[in-house]
Amino acid sequence: MSHTTTVTLTDTEEKAMSTITANIDDWITNAALNRARIAKEEIIADLIRHCNANDIALAVGEAAQVDQAFDLGVAELYTDVPFPS
C-alpha cells in the first residue's frame, strides 16, 4: 500500500523554494520520506521498550513491528486539529 500527496505552491512559495533547491519535488519528497523514517524508528524503539517491559514477543520486520505497536496501543494515529488550508 502506498499514499500519494499533492502539494500546491503559490507562485511566491515556488519562487522562495527555488532559492534553496534546484528540484522542489525532490526536496519535498525527501523531507516527507525522512520524517516518516524518523517516526518509524521512534515507534519501533517504543515498541521494543514496551515488549521488553511486558515480556511480549516482538514481531519480525519493520512493517510488522509498526503494526504491532498500533495493535498494542504503543503508537496511535495523530488526531489533533489539522493544519488550516
Protein backbone atom coordinates (compact mmCIF):
# COMPACT_ATOMS: atom_id res chain seq x y z
CA MET A 1 0.00 0.00 0.00
CA SER A 2 1.22 3.48 -0.73
CA HIS A 3 -0.05 7.01 -0.39
CA THR A 4 0.24 9.92 -2.82
CA THR A 5 0.02 13.52 -1.69
CA THR A 6 -0.07 16.56 -3.95
CA VAL A 7 1.38 19.84 -2.76
CA THR A 8 0.30 23.07 -4.42
CA LEU A 9 2.58 26.07 -4.01
CA THR A 10 1.70 29.64 -4.88
CA ASP A 11 3.99 31.37 -7.34
CA THR A 12 5.62 33.18 -4.41
CA GLU A 13 6.16 29.95 -2.48
CA GLU A 14 7.62 28.28 -5.56
CA LYS A 15 9.97 31.22 -6.10
CA ALA A 16 11.03 31.08 -2.44
CA MET A 17 11.63 27.31 -2.58
CA SER A 18 13.72 27.73 -5.72
CA THR A 19 16.27 29.65 -3.64
CA ILE A 20 17.02 26.54 -1.55
CA THR A 21 16.72 23.70 -4.09
CA ALA A 22 17.03 23.06 -7.79
CA ASN A 23 14.27 20.44 -7.65
CA ILE A 24 11.33 21.31 -5.40
CA ASP A 25 9.54 17.97 -5.91
CA ASP A 26 12.65 16.01 -4.87
CA TRP A 27 13.15 18.26 -1.83
CA ILE A 28 9.55 17.78 -0.65
CA THR A 29 9.70 14.02 -1.28
CA ASN A 30 12.97 13.73 0.63
CA ALA A 31 11.59 15.75 3.56
CA ALA A 32 8.48 13.56 3.82
CA LEU A 33 10.38 10.27 3.48
CA ASN A 34 12.97 11.30 6.05
CA ARG A 35 10.29 12.35 8.56
CA ALA A 36 8.47 9.06 8.03
CA ARG A 37 11.76 7.22 8.66
CA ILE A 38 12.26 9.09 11.93
CA ALA A 39 8.69 8.36 13.06
CA LYS A 40 9.12 4.66 12.21
CA GLU A 41 12.36 4.48 14.23
CA GLU A 42 10.64 6.15 17.20
CA ILE A 43 7.66 3.77 17.02
CA ILE A 44 9.92 0.70 16.88
CA ALA A 45 12.04 1.94 19.78
CA ASP A 46 8.89 2.49 21.88
CA LEU A 47 7.62 -0.96 20.89
CA ILE A 48 10.88 -2.66 21.89
CA ARG A 49 10.79 -0.97 25.30
CA HIS A 50 7.15 -1.96 25.77
CA CYS A 51 7.68 -5.58 24.69
CA ASN A 52 10.76 -5.96 26.90
CA ALA A 53 8.98 -4.47 29.91
CA ASN A 54 5.96 -6.73 29.43
CA ASP A 55 7.59 -9.98 28.19
CA ILE A 56 5.88 -9.74 24.80
CA ALA A 57 7.41 -11.37 21.72
CA LEU A 58 8.49 -8.77 19.18
CA ALA A 59 7.11 -9.08 15.65
CA VAL A 60 9.61 -9.73 12.87
CA GLY A 61 10.26 -6.98 10.31
CA GLU A 62 9.72 -3.24 10.45
CA ALA A 63 6.25 -3.25 8.89
CA ALA A 64 5.08 -5.97 11.31
CA GLN A 65 6.61 -4.10 14.24
CA VAL A 66 4.84 -0.85 13.34
CA ASP A 67 1.57 -2.79 13.02
CA GLN A 68 2.24 -4.47 16.39
CA ALA A 69 2.87 -1.09 18.02
CA PHE A 70 -0.54 0.12 16.84
CA ASP A 71 -2.22 -3.15 17.89
CA LEU A 72 -0.74 -2.86 21.40
CA GLY A 73 -1.59 0.83 21.75
CA VAL A 74 2.08 1.83 21.84
CA ALA A 75 1.52 4.00 18.75
CA GLU A 76 -1.63 5.83 17.78
CA LEU A 77 -2.85 7.98 14.95
CA TYR A 78 -2.38 11.72 15.29
CA THR A 79 -5.83 13.18 15.92
CA ASP A 80 -5.11 16.82 16.62
CA VAL A 81 -6.81 19.55 14.62
CA PRO A 82 -5.40 19.51 11.06
CA PHE A 83 -3.46 22.41 9.66
CA PRO A 84 -5.67 25.09 8.10
CA SER A 85 -5.72 25.03 4.32
